[in-house]
Amino acid sequence: MYKTSYCLLMLCICLLMLNSAYAQGILIKKRNTSVVVNGDTITVTPQLTQKPPKTEIDIYLHVQNNNSHAIVLKAKKTEFAISSTAEHGICFAGMCHTPAIYVATGAANLADGQTDSGFSGHYIYLESAHTPVKDLVAYTFYDQNNPSDSAIVYVIYNSIKPTSIVTQTMIDVRMYPNPADKELHIAGLKSTATATVYDMTGKQVLTQSISNNNLNVTQLPMGNYIVRIATDEGLITLKFEKG
């Protein structure tokens, strides 16, 4: 009896040590700051000085290994919404990738406490041929040897100029309740609209014309989602939870 109890105790200790060794320990930070943005949504806009003829919106992130062991850091992108008149690519581990690459081919070996500063996202368009929009992507960083140890950040690339009529129109759009059970009410729409819903992996799970400002989400499983609303005035991307 005592021997059995001892074995069970030792097994529990081993499991606790194993879980501790692979705890969630990846921290995403804004460049040159100590601000952790795991799970946050960041909006980036064009800088005042751009290289003609194309406009580029960039984001630079630092990723810290907060574990007590070394990791092999990998990076990938998920595109919830990208305009057909824009290109979106990532740079990581000393290599920049074409828009067709979603998982960076390289990796960064990080000792415990070490930070990688080599990640950047790039959104490029020709202004004369581009419809101003807010496009949403996600960047996920994970340990190649333990993919469950991961962190994600959402980035909105906003090419809408502050003085644009589109901005003023779409900024009034609101969505409630959140979390939602059966329907989401979308207020502030000035014209007919189409809603496209994505799960958190970027998979499209629902497309629906918005009738009477209501979006029916009854068929969706519980979880977090991204909805992209397209109207004659422009596009807006929002997050919601199905309760």
Protein backbone atom coordinates (compact mmCIF):
# COMPACT_ATOMS: atom_id res chain seq x y z
CA MET A 1 0.00 0.00 0.00
CA TYR A 2 2.74 2.43 1.01
CA LYS A 3 4.79 1.41 -2.00
CA THR A 4 1.86 2.13 -4.32
CA SER A 5 1.25 5.53 -2.70
CA TYR A 6 4.93 6.38 -3.02
CA CYS A 7 4.93 5.48 -6.71
CA LEU A 8 1.85 7.60 -7.31
CA LEU A 9 3.46 10.51 -5.48
CA MET A 10 6.62 10.24 -7.56
CA LEU A 11 4.54 10.08 -10.76
CA CYS A 12 2.68 13.25 -9.79
CA ILE A 13 5.97 15.01 -9.06
CA CYS A 14 7.36 13.96 -12.45
CA LEU A 15 4.24 15.22 -14.24
CA LEU A 16 4.43 18.53 -12.39
CA MET A 17 8.09 18.88 -13.34
CA LEU A 18 7.27 18.07 -16.96
CA ASN A 19 4.45 20.63 -17.10
CA SER A 20 6.70 23.20 -15.49
CA ALA A 21 9.42 22.52 -18.02
CA TYR A 22 7.01 23.22 -20.87
CA ALA A 23 4.95 26.07 -19.43
CA GLN A 24 3.71 28.86 -21.65
CA GLY A 25 6.81 30.98 -21.80
CA ILE A 26 6.93 32.95 -25.07
CA LEU A 27 6.48 36.69 -24.77
CA ILE A 28 5.82 38.98 -27.75
CA LYS A 29 6.87 42.57 -27.21
CA LYS A 30 6.70 45.82 -29.10
CA ARG A 31 10.09 46.72 -30.54
CA ASN A 32 12.45 48.45 -28.11
CA THR A 33 9.92 48.32 -25.27
CA SER A 34 9.02 46.01 -22.41
CA VAL A 35 5.32 46.02 -23.37
CA VAL A 36 4.01 42.45 -23.76
CA VAL A 37 1.34 42.15 -26.47
CA ASN A 38 0.40 38.45 -26.27
CA GLY A 39 -3.18 38.17 -27.56
CA ASP A 40 -3.46 41.91 -28.21
CA THR A 41 -4.54 43.68 -31.40
CA ILE A 42 -2.14 46.31 -32.74
CA THR A 43 -2.99 48.80 -35.48
CA VAL A 44 -0.21 50.09 -37.75
CA THR A 45 -0.42 52.81 -40.41
CA PRO A 46 1.87 54.18 -43.14
CA GLN A 47 4.76 56.35 -41.99
CA LEU A 48 5.09 59.91 -43.25
CA THR A 49 8.12 59.04 -45.37
CA GLN A 50 7.70 56.25 -47.90
CA LYS A 51 9.76 55.00 -50.81
CA PRO A 52 7.85 55.65 -54.05
CA PRO A 53 6.07 54.36 -55.98
CA LYS A 54 4.76 51.88 -53.41
CA THR A 55 3.61 52.46 -49.85
CA GLU A 56 4.75 50.06 -47.13
CA ILE A 57 3.36 49.52 -43.65
CA ASP A 58 5.73 47.65 -41.34
CA ILE A 59 5.67 46.15 -37.88
CA TYR A 60 8.69 44.92 -35.90
CA LEU A 61 8.32 42.56 -32.96
CA HIS A 62 10.69 41.19 -30.33
CA VAL A 63 10.07 37.68 -29.01
CA GLN A 64 11.47 36.59 -25.64
CA ASN A 65 11.97 33.07 -24.36
CA ASN A 66 10.69 33.32 -20.81
CA ASN A 67 11.13 29.60 -20.14
CA SER A 68 13.85 28.09 -17.98
CA HIS A 69 15.07 26.05 -20.94
CA ALA A 70 16.20 26.71 -24.51
CA ILE A 71 13.68 26.68 -27.36
CA VAL A 72 13.73 26.59 -31.16
CA LEU A 73 11.52 29.52 -32.09
CA LYS A 74 9.37 29.34 -35.21
CA ALA A 75 7.06 31.99 -36.71
CA LYS A 76 4.00 31.85 -38.94
CA LYS A 77 1.36 34.22 -40.28
CA THR A 78 -2.41 33.83 -40.60
CA GLU A 79 -4.25 36.17 -42.96
CA PHE A 80 -7.84 36.80 -41.92
CA ALA A 81 -8.28 39.51 -44.51
CA ILE A 82 -5.85 40.79 -47.11
CA SER A 83 -6.78 43.13 -49.94
CA SER A 84 -6.20 41.83 -53.46
CA THR A 85 -4.30 45.07 -54.19
CA ALA A 86 -1.78 44.57 -51.39
CA GLU A 87 1.04 42.13 -50.66
CA HIS A 88 1.89 40.84 -47.21
CA GLY A 89 5.08 39.05 -46.25
CA ILE A 90 7.17 38.29 -43.18
CA CYS A 91 10.88 38.34 -42.36
CA PHE A 92 12.30 36.05 -39.69
CA ALA A 93 15.57 34.31 -38.80
CA GLY A 94 17.55 36.29 -41.34
CA MET A 95 15.26 35.61 -44.29
CA CYS A 96 12.40 37.55 -45.92
CA HIS A 97 9.64 35.48 -47.51
CA THR A 98 7.29 36.01 -50.43
CA PRO A 99 3.56 36.49 -49.70
CA ALA A 100 2.96 32.83 -50.60
CA ILE A 101 4.99 31.64 -47.58
CA TYR A 102 2.98 31.36 -44.36
CA VAL A 103 5.44 29.54 -42.09
CA ALA A 104 8.94 30.98 -41.93
CA THR A 105 11.46 28.44 -43.18
CA GLY A 106 14.11 29.39 -40.63
CA ALA A 107 14.17 29.24 -36.84
CA ALA A 108 15.83 31.09 -33.97
CA ASN A 109 17.60 29.16 -31.21
CA LEU A 110 16.89 31.00 -27.97
CA ALA A 111 18.45 30.24 -24.62
CA ASP A 112 16.37 30.86 -21.49
CA GLY A 113 15.72 34.60 -21.13
CA GLN A 114 17.05 35.39 -24.61
CA THR A 115 15.17 37.69 -27.03
CA ASP A 116 14.94 37.50 -30.81
CA SER A 117 14.57 40.85 -32.59
CA GLY A 118 14.54 39.59 -36.15
CA PHE A 119 10.80 39.43 -36.91
CA SER A 120 8.96 41.93 -39.07
CA GLY A 121 5.74 42.03 -41.07
CA HIS A 122 5.43 44.02 -44.30
CA TYR A 123 2.26 45.21 -46.05
CA ILE A 124 2.93 46.82 -49.45
CA TYR A 125 0.64 48.43 -52.02
CA LEU A 126 0.56 50.87 -54.92
CA GLU A 127 -1.58 53.72 -53.61
CA SER A 128 -3.02 54.62 -57.01
CA ALA A 129 -4.39 51.09 -57.43
CA HIS A 130 -5.26 50.29 -53.81
CA THR A 131 -8.62 50.63 -52.07
CA PRO A 132 -8.00 51.91 -48.52
CA VAL A 133 -8.90 49.22 -46.01
CA LYS A 134 -8.15 47.71 -42.62
CA ASP A 135 -6.64 44.26 -43.19
CA LEU A 136 -6.19 41.82 -40.31
CA VAL A 137 -3.42 39.25 -39.84
CA ALA A 138 -2.08 37.24 -36.91
CA TYR A 139 1.48 36.28 -36.09
CA THR A 140 2.10 33.14 -34.05
CA PHE A 141 5.41 32.24 -32.42
CA TYR A 142 6.00 28.75 -31.05
CA ASP A 143 8.63 26.30 -29.87
CA GLN A 144 9.35 23.82 -32.67
CA ASN A 145 9.92 21.09 -30.07
CA ASN A 146 6.76 21.93 -28.13
CA PRO A 147 4.20 23.68 -30.39
CA SER A 148 1.74 24.10 -27.51
CA ASP A 149 4.17 26.65 -26.07
CA SER A 150 3.08 29.51 -28.29
CA ALA A 151 1.95 33.13 -28.34
CA ILE A 152 -0.10 35.14 -30.82
CA VAL A 153 -0.57 38.80 -31.69
CA TYR A 154 -3.11 40.33 -34.08
CA VAL A 155 -2.11 43.19 -36.38
CA ILE A 156 -4.42 45.51 -38.32
CA TYR A 157 -2.73 47.10 -41.33
CA ASN A 158 -4.69 50.32 -41.76
CA SER A 159 -4.23 52.03 -45.13
CA ILE A 160 -7.23 54.33 -44.63
CA LYS A 161 -6.17 57.96 -44.40
CA PRO A 162 -7.41 59.79 -41.27
CA THR A 163 -9.27 62.40 -43.35
CA SER A 164 -11.01 59.82 -45.54
CA ILE A 165 -14.81 59.69 -45.64
CA VAL A 166 -14.48 55.90 -45.48
CA THR A 167 -12.78 56.17 -42.10
CA GLN A 168 -15.48 58.38 -40.61
CA THR A 169 -18.25 56.15 -41.93
CA MET A 170 -16.82 52.84 -40.77
CA ILE A 171 -15.60 54.08 -37.41
CA ASP A 172 -19.26 54.40 -36.34
CA VAL A 173 -19.91 50.67 -36.83
CA ARG A 174 -20.48 48.85 -33.53
CA MET A 175 -21.18 45.20 -32.77
CA TYR A 176 -22.99 43.81 -29.71
CA PRO A 177 -23.63 41.82 -27.56
CA ASN A 178 -20.17 40.39 -27.14
CA PRO A 179 -20.10 37.49 -26.23
CA ALA A 180 -23.09 36.57 -28.41
CA ASP A 181 -25.31 33.50 -28.24
CA LYS A 182 -27.60 33.60 -31.29
CA GLU A 183 -27.26 36.96 -33.01
CA LEU A 184 -24.84 39.85 -33.26
CA HIS A 185 -26.40 43.27 -33.75
CA ILE A 186 -24.33 45.50 -36.02
CA ALA A 187 -25.16 49.18 -35.63
CA GLY A 188 -23.93 52.11 -37.71
CA LEU A 189 -24.15 50.53 -41.17
CA LYS A 190 -25.04 53.05 -43.89
CA SER A 191 -25.72 50.50 -46.65
CA THR A 192 -26.17 46.80 -47.30
CA ALA A 193 -23.31 44.67 -46.02
CA THR A 194 -21.79 41.21 -46.20
CA ALA A 195 -20.13 39.59 -43.21
CA THR A 196 -17.39 36.97 -43.50
CA VAL A 197 -16.48 35.14 -40.29
CA TYR A 198 -13.15 33.40 -39.65
CA ASP A 199 -12.07 31.17 -36.78
CA MET A 200 -8.79 31.84 -34.99
CA THR A 201 -6.81 29.71 -37.44
CA GLY A 202 -7.91 31.92 -40.34
CA LYS A 203 -10.42 29.41 -41.74
CA GLN A 204 -13.56 30.96 -43.22
CA VAL A 205 -16.54 29.50 -41.35
CA LEU A 206 -19.47 31.71 -42.34
CA THR A 207 -20.50 34.19 -45.03
CA GLN A 208 -23.78 36.00 -44.65
CA SER A 209 -25.61 39.05 -45.95
CA ILE A 210 -26.53 41.23 -43.01
CA SER A 211 -30.30 41.52 -42.73
CA ASN A 212 -31.88 44.12 -40.42
CA ASN A 213 -28.41 44.79 -38.97
CA ASN A 214 -28.31 41.30 -37.46
CA LEU A 215 -25.77 38.53 -38.02
CA ASN A 216 -26.96 35.03 -37.12
CA VAL A 217 -24.17 33.07 -35.37
CA THR A 218 -26.30 30.25 -33.95
CA GLN A 219 -24.51 27.56 -35.98
CA LEU A 220 -21.03 28.52 -34.77
CA PRO A 221 -19.39 26.55 -31.94
CA MET A 222 -18.36 28.44 -28.83
CA GLY A 223 -15.07 30.27 -29.23
CA ASN A 224 -13.45 33.43 -30.55
CA TYR A 225 -13.92 34.70 -34.10
CA ILE A 226 -12.99 37.46 -36.50
CA VAL A 227 -15.70 39.08 -38.65
CA ARG A 228 -14.95 41.19 -41.71
CA ILE A 229 -17.83 43.46 -42.74
CA ALA A 230 -17.86 44.79 -46.31
CA THR A 231 -20.13 47.67 -47.36
CA ASP A 232 -20.25 50.25 -50.13
CA GLU A 233 -18.37 52.61 -47.80
CA GLY A 234 -15.50 50.27 -47.05
CA LEU A 235 -14.39 47.40 -44.86
CA ILE A 236 -14.06 46.90 -41.13
CA THR A 237 -12.66 43.97 -39.13
CA LEU A 238 -13.89 43.15 -35.62
CA LYS A 239 -13.43 40.39 -33.06
CA PHE A 240 -16.20 38.65 -31.14
CA GLU A 241 -16.84 35.67 -28.90
CA LYS A 242 -19.57 33.08 -29.39
CA GLY A 243 -20.85 32.27 -25.90
